[in-house]
Structure formats: C-alpha cells, structure tokens
Amino acid sequence: MSRRTNAWLTGSLARAHPLTASARSITFAVPGWPGNDPGHHVDVRLTAPDGYQVVRSYSIASTGTGEEIELAIDRLPDGEVSPFLVDDLELGDTVELRGPLGGWFVWRPEQTQPVQLIAGGSGVVPFIAMTRAHASAGNSIPMQLLYSLRAPCDAFFRDELSQPSATAPTTWHYTRTVPPGWSRSAGRLTVKDLKSETLPPEQVPLTYICGPTGFVETVSRALISLGHAADNIRTERFGGI
C-alpha cells in the first residue's frame, strides 16, 4: 500500500495525550507522508540550535493512507530523544520524519494465516496498528494479543485494547504487580504460559513478537520448543543484547 520516501519530511505535532506516567501518544501532521502498513516504523530526526542532530527509530501506532502518523513514546531515563518527545514537545512544534521503514515485520489484511501477537512492554505499539487494521478491515482471520508488562499502570492503550468490540482479544500478563483480585501471581512468561495463552502450533499461526531483546529471544525459543516453525515467527526488538 505505502511507498517509502527517502526524503526527510516535516511533521508538526497535532495531538498528544499521556498513556502512562512515562509514556505519551503523539500524532504528527506530515504533508507528503505516503501512508504506512501495520508494523512499519519511522525515523525521527531532531536538530539542535547548534546543528547537532540525532535520529531514533520508532514503531508507528497508526496505519493507512492519511498524512498523519501516531507514535507512542516511552521515556527512557538516560535517553537522548525520548525525554524531549514525552516531556517537552508542544503542539505545533516540528520534527523531521523519514519512512515508512521495514517490510518483514508487517501484517496486511489480505494475509490468510491466524495471527498471534506477543508484546513486551512498549513493544505493543506496532500491534496497536495491526489490531486497528484488523478491526477496520472487518477481517475474520483470528488475531489475538498476549501483552506482557510490569504492572497495570504500565499499559499502553488499555481502554482501546479492552473494548468489547475489539476484534483481536488481549490476554494481560503481569511480571511484577498484578491488579487486585487477579487470579495468578506476577512473574515472567513461561513455556507453560505461552502454551496456554497463545494459538497452538496446530493452527499454524504467524506469530509476531516485539519487545526488549531478552524478552524476544526467550519467547522465540519457547515457541519453537512448543512446536512452532521458526519460519512462522517474526521478531522486532529494541535495547541492548
């Protein structure tokens, strides 16, 4: 659907709202943006008054052909870009953007395999675009999300993912703090969890995993041990090795 442009485009912050205590949704109006598929990401470039430039890549939460893109940024305590985007960028301020980027970690409504999405923390952002596209297309192909996060207060887009009308149901998994009355203790995802909370290999799902490097590698190995083919697992990671 979309075509990448190598040119840097100017995006003006059109809307913003907090997602968590450390994260923010920011939507840019980007004249000339060619549109993007669910799973694409974009480069964001900031330029200081002295000419110093820094570029970071972020997943896109929105999808489609319009000239707006939504990002969801989590502030990294020692980050060079994310604190500015979360705390300082004001409506009407501009940044430069280039994209869309990526092709392997993309889902399109014409795909026919069942889809399992597995997110760790802020790795849920590309899956927001995928679930939105799934709902918008009225797609009947099964899609579901397993969302692993530290605590309920860390959830991105909780209200949207919890909507009864959501076509891709979400299973919540908490690693440090659970909500009152939750039926299970906090803890990292285990092979047993993945077996019970994801589509089985017999359904031959296409599984997308996004999150910190350690999370992605652990979950990928566990899925393969459960019988999923490596060719049916697509990963995107961030952070150090």
C-alpha atoms as a PDB file:
ATOM      1  CA  MET A   1       0.000   0.000   0.000  1.00  0.00           C
ATOM      2  CA  SER A   2       2.593   2.505   1.084  1.00  0.00           C
ATOM      3  CA  ARG A   3       5.763   3.638  -0.616  1.00  0.00           C
ATOM      4  CA  ARG A   4       8.842   4.587   1.298  1.00  0.00           C
ATOM      5  CA  THR A   5      10.251   8.005   0.774  1.00  0.00           C
ATOM      6  CA  ASN A   6      13.927   8.629   1.423  1.00  0.00           C
ATOM      7  CA  ALA A   7      13.281  12.311   1.881  1.00  0.00           C
ATOM      8  CA  TRP A   8      13.014  13.837   5.308  1.00  0.00           C
ATOM      9  CA  LEU A   9       9.531  15.281   5.820  1.00  0.00           C
ATOM     10  CA  THR A  10       8.475  17.874   8.348  1.00  0.00           C
ATOM     11  CA  GLY A  11       5.896  16.764  10.888  1.00  0.00           C
ATOM     12  CA  SER A  12       4.001  19.178  13.104  1.00  0.00           C
ATOM     13  CA  LEU A  13       2.673  17.899  16.430  1.00  0.00           C
ATOM     14  CA  ALA A  14      -1.107  17.922  16.036  1.00  0.00           C
ATOM     15  CA  ARG A  15      -2.299  15.982  19.084  1.00  0.00           C
ATOM     16  CA  ALA A  16      -0.803  14.463  22.218  1.00  0.00           C
ATOM     17  CA  HIS A  17      -2.025  12.714  25.327  1.00  0.00           C
ATOM     18  CA  PRO A  18      -0.420  10.704  28.126  1.00  0.00           C
ATOM     19  CA  LEU A  19      -0.536   6.916  28.003  1.00  0.00           C
ATOM     20  CA  THR A  20       1.207   6.196  31.316  1.00  0.00           C
ATOM     21  CA  ALA A  21       3.282   8.190  33.811  1.00  0.00           C
ATOM     22  CA  SER A  22       6.260   7.839  31.478  1.00  0.00           C
ATOM     23  CA  ALA A  23       4.719   7.487  28.040  1.00  0.00           C
ATOM     24  CA  ARG A  24       2.870   9.704  25.612  1.00  0.00           C
ATOM     25  CA  SER A  25       0.921   9.336  22.390  1.00  0.00           C
ATOM     26  CA  ILE A  26       1.993  11.966  19.844  1.00  0.00           C
ATOM     27  CA  THR A  27       0.344  12.449  16.462  1.00  0.00           C
ATOM     28  CA  PHE A  28       2.071  14.421  13.725  1.00  0.00           C
ATOM     29  CA  ALA A  29       0.579  16.032  10.648  1.00  0.00           C
ATOM     30  CA  VAL A  30       3.079  15.178   7.912  1.00  0.00           C
ATOM     31  CA  PRO A  31       2.362  16.679   4.463  1.00  0.00           C
ATOM     32  CA  GLY A  32       3.606  14.265   1.829  1.00  0.00           C
ATOM     33  CA  TRP A  33       3.538  11.213   4.079  1.00  0.00           C
ATOM     34  CA  PRO A  34       2.892   8.233   1.759  1.00  0.00           C
ATOM     35  CA  GLY A  35       0.923   6.162   4.286  1.00  0.00           C
ATOM     36  CA  ASN A  36       2.093   3.055   6.088  1.00  0.00           C
ATOM     37  CA  ASP A  37       1.191  -0.546   6.751  1.00  0.00           C
ATOM     38  CA  PRO A  38       0.736  -2.021  10.243  1.00  0.00           C
ATOM     39  CA  GLY A  39       4.182  -2.872  11.601  1.00  0.00           C
ATOM     40  CA  HIS A  40       6.139  -0.192   9.791  1.00  0.00           C
ATOM     41  CA  HIS A  41       8.405   2.147  11.706  1.00  0.00           C
ATOM     42  CA  VAL A  42       9.758   5.645  11.082  1.00  0.00           C
ATOM     43  CA  ASP A  43      12.970   7.558  11.693  1.00  0.00           C
ATOM     44  CA  VAL A  44      12.628  10.733  13.754  1.00  0.00           C
ATOM     45  CA  ARG A  45      15.371  13.357  13.492  1.00  0.00           C
ATOM     46  CA  LEU A  46      15.909  16.228  15.908  1.00  0.00           C
ATOM     47  CA  THR A  47      18.264  19.126  15.226  1.00  0.00           C
ATOM     48  CA  ALA A  48      19.655  21.328  17.996  1.00  0.00           C
ATOM     49  CA  PRO A  49      20.235  25.073  17.509  1.00  0.00           C
ATOM     50  CA  ASP A  50      23.967  24.374  17.159  1.00  0.00           C
ATOM     51  CA  GLY A  51      23.299  21.911  14.301  1.00  0.00           C
ATOM     52  CA  TYR A  52      23.778  18.721  16.311  1.00  0.00           C
ATOM     53  CA  GLN A  53      21.419  16.027  15.020  1.00  0.00           C
ATOM     54  CA  VAL A  54      20.166  12.782  16.467  1.00  0.00           C
ATOM     55  CA  VAL A  55      17.974  10.119  14.862  1.00  0.00           C
ATOM     56  CA  ARG A  56      15.853   7.449  16.520  1.00  0.00           C
ATOM     57  CA  SER A  57      13.527   4.851  15.015  1.00  0.00           C
ATOM     58  CA  TYR A  58      10.025   4.286  16.397  1.00  0.00           C
ATOM     59  CA  SER A  59       7.178   1.937  15.581  1.00  0.00           C
ATOM     60  CA  ILE A  60       4.039   3.542  14.206  1.00  0.00           C
ATOM     61  CA  ALA A  61       0.759   3.032  16.062  1.00  0.00           C
ATOM     62  CA  SER A  62      -1.411   4.300  13.215  1.00  0.00           C
ATOM     63  CA  THR A  63      -1.968   2.821   9.789  1.00  0.00           C
ATOM     64  CA  GLY A  64      -3.468   3.792   6.476  1.00  0.00           C
ATOM     65  CA  THR A  65      -3.094   6.331   3.723  1.00  0.00           C
ATOM     66  CA  GLY A  66      -3.582   9.596   5.584  1.00  0.00           C
ATOM     67  CA  GLU A  67      -0.954  12.253   6.171  1.00  0.00           C
ATOM     68  CA  GLU A  68      -0.894  11.780   9.938  1.00  0.00           C
ATOM     69  CA  ILE A  69       1.105   9.295  11.961  1.00  0.00           C
ATOM     70  CA  GLU A  70       0.767   8.407  15.624  1.00  0.00           C
ATOM     71  CA  LEU A  71       3.725   7.332  17.749  1.00  0.00           C
ATOM     72  CA  ALA A  72       3.720   6.102  21.344  1.00  0.00           C
ATOM     73  CA  ILE A  73       6.928   7.036  23.126  1.00  0.00           C
ATOM     74  CA  ASP A  74       8.174   5.690  26.449  1.00  0.00           C
ATOM     75  CA  ARG A  75      10.625   7.955  28.255  1.00  0.00           C
ATOM     76  CA  LEU A  76      13.997   6.310  28.794  1.00  0.00           C
ATOM     77  CA  PRO A  77      15.714   7.738  31.903  1.00  0.00           C
ATOM     78  CA  ASP A  78      19.026   8.164  30.063  1.00  0.00           C
ATOM     79  CA  GLY A  79      17.506   8.672  26.624  1.00  0.00           C
ATOM     80  CA  GLU A  80      18.647  11.419  24.296  1.00  0.00           C
ATOM     81  CA  VAL A  81      15.387  11.784  22.343  1.00  0.00           C
ATOM     82  CA  SER A  82      12.510  10.176  24.233  1.00  0.00           C
ATOM     83  CA  PRO A  83      12.523  12.620  27.225  1.00  0.00           C
ATOM     84  CA  PHE A  84      12.140  15.516  24.788  1.00  0.00           C
ATOM     85  CA  LEU A  85       9.302  13.838  22.873  1.00  0.00           C
ATOM     86  CA  VAL A  86       7.469  12.877  26.072  1.00  0.00           C
ATOM     87  CA  ASP A  87       8.039  15.972  28.212  1.00  0.00           C
ATOM     88  CA  ASP A  88       8.948  18.965  26.081  1.00  0.00           C
ATOM     89  CA  LEU A  89       7.483  18.737  22.585  1.00  0.00           C
ATOM     90  CA  GLU A  90       4.492  21.077  22.318  1.00  0.00           C
ATOM     91  CA  LEU A  91       1.607  21.293  19.871  1.00  0.00           C
ATOM     92  CA  GLY A  92       2.791  22.928  16.682  1.00  0.00           C
ATOM     93  CA  ASP A  93       6.436  22.037  17.252  1.00  0.00           C
ATOM     94  CA  THR A  94       8.088  20.260  14.355  1.00  0.00           C
ATOM     95  CA  VAL A  95      10.421  17.304  13.874  1.00  0.00           C
ATOM     96  CA  GLU A  96      11.722  15.576  10.769  1.00  0.00           C
ATOM     97  CA  LEU A  97      10.487  12.119   9.797  1.00  0.00           C
ATOM     98  CA  ARG A  98      11.538   9.558   7.183  1.00  0.00           C
ATOM     99  CA  GLY A  99       9.751   6.398   6.190  1.00  0.00           C
ATOM    100  CA  PRO A 100       7.847   4.210   6.336  1.00  0.00           C
ATOM    101  CA  LEU A 101      10.576   1.676   7.070  1.00  0.00           C
ATOM    102  CA  GLY A 102      10.610  -2.099   7.332  1.00  0.00           C
ATOM    103  CA  GLY A 103       8.764  -4.817   5.481  1.00  0.00           C
ATOM    104  CA  TRP A 104       9.354  -8.099   7.254  1.00  0.00           C
ATOM    105  CA  PHE A 105       7.506  -7.148  10.426  1.00  0.00           C
ATOM    106  CA  VAL A 106       4.345  -6.063   8.656  1.00  0.00           C
ATOM    107  CA  TRP A 107       0.833  -7.505   8.665  1.00  0.00           C
ATOM    108  CA  ARG A 108      -1.614  -6.904   5.851  1.00  0.00           C
ATOM    109  CA  PRO A 109      -5.339  -7.716   5.886  1.00  0.00           C
ATOM    110  CA  GLU A 110      -5.023  -9.939   2.811  1.00  0.00           C
ATOM    111  CA  GLN A 111      -2.835 -12.408   4.736  1.00  0.00           C
ATOM    112  CA  THR A 112      -4.666 -15.652   5.498  1.00  0.00           C
ATOM    113  CA  GLN A 113      -2.796 -17.209   8.450  1.00  0.00           C
ATOM    114  CA  PRO A 114      -4.130 -16.847  12.012  1.00  0.00           C
ATOM    115  CA  VAL A 115      -2.100 -14.222  13.858  1.00  0.00           C
ATOM    116  CA  GLN A 116      -0.612 -14.318  17.330  1.00  0.00           C
ATOM    117  CA  LEU A 117       0.865 -11.076  18.653  1.00  0.00           C
ATOM    118  CA  ILE A 118       3.174 -11.139  21.700  1.00  0.00           C
ATOM    119  CA  ALA A 119       4.298  -7.831  23.192  1.00  0.00           C
ATOM    120  CA  GLY A 120       6.747  -6.989  25.934  1.00  0.00           C
ATOM    121  CA  GLY A 121       6.224  -3.508  27.428  1.00  0.00           C
ATOM    122  CA  SER A 122       6.294  -0.729  24.856  1.00  0.00           C
ATOM    123  CA  GLY A 123       6.709  -3.391  22.189  1.00  0.00           C
ATOM    124  CA  VAL A 124       2.933  -3.305  21.925  1.00  0.00           C
ATOM    125  CA  VAL A 125       2.999  -0.221  19.671  1.00  0.00           C
ATOM    126  CA  PRO A 126       3.194  -1.940  16.243  1.00  0.00           C
ATOM    127  CA  PHE A 127       0.458  -4.304  17.404  1.00  0.00           C
ATOM    128  CA  ILE A 128      -1.859  -1.370  18.009  1.00  0.00           C
ATOM    129  CA  ALA A 129      -1.559  -0.612  14.310  1.00  0.00           C
ATOM    130  CA  MET A 130      -2.201  -4.272  13.445  1.00  0.00           C
ATOM    131  CA  THR A 131      -5.283  -4.613  15.672  1.00  0.00           C
ATOM    132  CA  ARG A 132      -6.652  -1.352  14.329  1.00  0.00           C
ATOM    133  CA  ALA A 133      -6.182  -2.527  10.743  1.00  0.00           C
ATOM    134  CA  HIS A 134      -7.738  -5.895  11.597  1.00  0.00           C
ATOM    135  CA  ALA A 135     -10.823  -4.185  13.030  1.00  0.00           C
ATOM    136  CA  SER A 136     -11.041  -1.607  10.268  1.00  0.00           C
ATOM    137  CA  ALA A 137     -10.952  -4.292   7.569  1.00  0.00           C
ATOM    138  CA  GLY A 138     -13.594  -6.419   9.317  1.00  0.00           C
ATOM    139  CA  ASN A 139     -11.117  -9.245   8.974  1.00  0.00           C
ATOM    140  CA  SER A 140     -12.331 -12.698  10.055  1.00  0.00           C
ATOM    141  CA  ILE A 141      -8.840 -14.215  10.323  1.00  0.00           C
ATOM    142  CA  PRO A 142      -8.175 -14.952  14.041  1.00  0.00           C
ATOM    143  CA  MET A 143      -5.841 -12.426  15.654  1.00  0.00           C
ATOM    144  CA  GLN A 144      -5.049 -12.219  19.350  1.00  0.00           C
ATOM    145  CA  LEU A 145      -2.572 -10.388  21.567  1.00  0.00           C
ATOM    146  CA  LEU A 146      -0.600 -11.558  24.590  1.00  0.00           C
ATOM    147  CA  TYR A 147       0.638  -8.411  26.349  1.00  0.00           C
ATOM    148  CA  SER A 148       3.353  -8.832  28.977  1.00  0.00           C
ATOM    149  CA  LEU A 149       4.012  -5.793  31.150  1.00  0.00           C
ATOM    150  CA  ARG A 150       5.324  -4.988  34.590  1.00  0.00           C
ATOM    151  CA  ALA A 151       2.141  -3.621  36.179  1.00  0.00           C
ATOM    152  CA  PRO A 152      -1.352  -2.448  35.219  1.00  0.00           C
ATOM    153  CA  CYS A 153      -0.225   1.194  35.311  1.00  0.00           C
ATOM    154  CA  ASP A 154       2.276   0.483  32.523  1.00  0.00           C
ATOM    155  CA  ALA A 155      -0.346  -0.475  29.938  1.00  0.00           C
ATOM    156  CA  PHE A 156      -0.382   1.410  26.646  1.00  0.00           C
ATOM    157  CA  PHE A 157      -3.836   1.881  25.040  1.00  0.00           C
ATOM    158  CA  ARG A 158      -5.575  -0.152  27.760  1.00  0.00           C
ATOM    159  CA  ASP A 159      -9.045   1.265  27.047  1.00  0.00           C
ATOM    160  CA  GLU A 160      -8.736   0.596  23.322  1.00  0.00           C
ATOM    161  CA  LEU A 161      -7.468  -2.953  23.784  1.00  0.00           C
ATOM    162  CA  SER A 162     -10.213  -3.679  26.326  1.00  0.00           C
ATOM    163  CA  GLN A 163     -13.103  -2.548  24.152  1.00  0.00           C
ATOM    164  CA  PRO A 164     -15.761  -5.269  23.810  1.00  0.00           C
ATOM    165  CA  SER A 165     -15.807  -4.529  20.091  1.00  0.00           C
ATOM    166  CA  ALA A 166     -12.086  -5.283  19.700  1.00  0.00           C
ATOM    167  CA  THR A 167     -11.666  -7.979  17.063  1.00  0.00           C
ATOM    168  CA  ALA A 168      -8.308  -9.069  18.462  1.00  0.00           C
ATOM    169  CA  PRO A 169      -8.727 -10.097  22.128  1.00  0.00           C
ATOM    170  CA  THR A 170      -5.950  -9.258  24.583  1.00  0.00           C
ATOM    171  CA  THR A 171      -4.565 -11.515  27.315  1.00  0.00           C
ATOM    172  CA  TRP A 172      -2.797  -9.482  30.006  1.00  0.00           C
ATOM    173  CA  HIS A 173       0.280 -10.875  31.745  1.00  0.00           C
ATOM    174  CA  TYR A 174       1.936  -9.001  34.629  1.00  0.00           C
ATOM    175  CA  THR A 175       5.533  -9.603  35.617  1.00  0.00           C
ATOM    176  CA  ARG A 176       5.826  -7.545  38.835  1.00  0.00           C
ATOM    177  CA  THR A 177       2.461  -6.298  40.110  1.00  0.00           C
ATOM    178  CA  VAL A 178      -0.998  -7.717  39.455  1.00  0.00           C
ATOM    179  CA  PRO A 179      -4.365  -5.947  39.827  1.00  0.00           C
ATOM    180  CA  PRO A 180      -6.444  -6.605  42.969  1.00  0.00           C
ATOM    181  CA  GLY A 181      -8.216  -9.936  42.710  1.00  0.00           C
ATOM    182  CA  TRP A 182      -6.055 -11.150  39.829  1.00  0.00           C
ATOM    183  CA  SER A 183      -6.141 -14.930  39.640  1.00  0.00           C
ATOM    184  CA  ARG A 184      -2.416 -15.505  39.274  1.00  0.00           C
ATOM    185  CA  SER A 185       0.849 -14.256  40.705  1.00  0.00           C
ATOM    186  CA  ALA A 186       3.172 -11.868  38.937  1.00  0.00           C
ATOM    187  CA  GLY A 187       6.017 -13.456  37.023  1.00  0.00           C
ATOM    188  CA  ARG A 188       7.761 -13.652  33.709  1.00  0.00           C
ATOM    189  CA  LEU A 189       6.224 -15.544  30.833  1.00  0.00           C
ATOM    190  CA  THR A 190       6.982 -19.251  30.950  1.00  0.00           C
ATOM    191  CA  VAL A 191       6.686 -22.014  28.395  1.00  0.00           C
ATOM    192  CA  LYS A 192       3.558 -23.136  30.218  1.00  0.00           C
ATOM    193  CA  ASP A 193       2.069 -19.636  29.910  1.00  0.00           C
ATOM    194  CA  LEU A 194       2.812 -19.499  26.207  1.00  0.00           C
ATOM    195  CA  LYS A 195       1.273 -22.908  25.683  1.00  0.00           C
ATOM    196  CA  SER A 196      -1.961 -21.918  27.389  1.00  0.00           C
ATOM    197  CA  GLU A 197      -2.248 -18.283  26.261  1.00  0.00           C
ATOM    198  CA  THR A 198      -1.277 -18.364  22.586  1.00  0.00           C
ATOM    199  CA  LEU A 199      -2.546 -20.047  19.438  1.00  0.00           C
ATOM    200  CA  PRO A 200      -1.268 -23.634  19.228  1.00  0.00           C
ATOM    201  CA  PRO A 201       1.161 -24.775  16.513  1.00  0.00           C
ATOM    202  CA  GLU A 202      -1.585 -26.989  15.048  1.00  0.00           C
ATOM    203  CA  GLN A 203      -3.304 -23.813  13.800  1.00  0.00           C
ATOM    204  CA  VAL A 204      -0.071 -22.741  12.077  1.00  0.00           C
ATOM    205  CA  PRO A 205      -0.266 -19.128  13.263  1.00  0.00           C
ATOM    206  CA  LEU A 206       2.028 -16.388  12.081  1.00  0.00           C
ATOM    207  CA  THR A 207       3.479 -15.041  15.323  1.00  0.00           C
ATOM    208  CA  TYR A 208       4.852 -11.536  15.770  1.00  0.00           C
ATOM    209  CA  ILE A 209       6.977 -10.774  18.840  1.00  0.00           C
ATOM    210  CA  CYS A 210       8.118  -7.284  19.816  1.00  0.00           C
ATOM    211  CA  GLY A 211       9.893  -6.107  22.944  1.00  0.00           C
ATOM    212  CA  PRO A 212      13.294  -5.928  24.629  1.00  0.00           C
ATOM    213  CA  THR A 213      15.940  -8.194  23.141  1.00  0.00           C
ATOM    214  CA  GLY A 214      15.974 -10.663  26.029  1.00  0.00           C
ATOM    215  CA  PHE A 215      12.188 -10.958  26.010  1.00  0.00           C
ATOM    216  CA  VAL A 216      12.048 -11.567  22.263  1.00  0.00           C
ATOM    217  CA  GLU A 217      14.751 -14.227  22.320  1.00  0.00           C
ATOM    218  CA  THR A 218      13.261 -16.045  25.305  1.00  0.00           C
ATOM    219  CA  VAL A 219       9.772 -16.115  23.840  1.00  0.00           C
ATOM    220  CA  SER A 220      11.029 -17.169  20.402  1.00  0.00           C
ATOM    221  CA  ARG A 221      12.936 -20.132  21.823  1.00  0.00           C
ATOM    222  CA  ALA A 222       9.944 -21.155  23.927  1.00  0.00           C
ATOM    223  CA  LEU A 223       7.605 -21.104  20.939  1.00  0.00           C
ATOM    224  CA  ILE A 224       9.964 -23.251  18.899  1.00  0.00           C
ATOM    225  CA  SER A 225      10.179 -25.718  21.794  1.00  0.00           C
ATOM    226  CA  LEU A 226       6.375 -25.912  21.684  1.00  0.00           C
ATOM    227  CA  GLY A 227       6.451 -26.925  18.028  1.00  0.00           C
ATOM    228  CA  HIS A 228       6.099 -23.640  16.168  1.00  0.00           C
ATOM    229  CA  ALA A 229       8.148 -23.392  12.979  1.00  0.00           C
ATOM    230  CA  ALA A 230      10.842 -20.713  13.059  1.00  0.00           C
ATOM    231  CA  ASP A 231       9.668 -19.519   9.638  1.00  0.00           C
ATOM    232  CA  ASN A 232       6.330 -18.565  11.196  1.00  0.00           C
ATOM    233  CA  ILE A 233       7.883 -16.327  13.851  1.00  0.00           C
ATOM    234  CA  ARG A 234       8.691 -12.693  13.105  1.00  0.00           C
ATOM    235  CA  THR A 235      10.530 -10.582  15.637  1.00  0.00           C
ATOM    236  CA  GLU A 236      11.337  -6.973  16.311  1.00  0.00           C
ATOM    237  CA  ARG A 237      13.449  -5.951  19.270  1.00  0.00           C
ATOM    238  CA  PHE A 238      14.937  -2.953  20.974  1.00  0.00           C
ATOM    239  CA  GLY A 239      17.564  -2.335  23.631  1.00  0.00           C
ATOM    240  CA  GLY A 240      20.961  -3.927  24.112  1.00  0.00           C
ATOM    241  CA  ILE A 241      21.903  -7.548  23.685  1.00  0.00           C
END
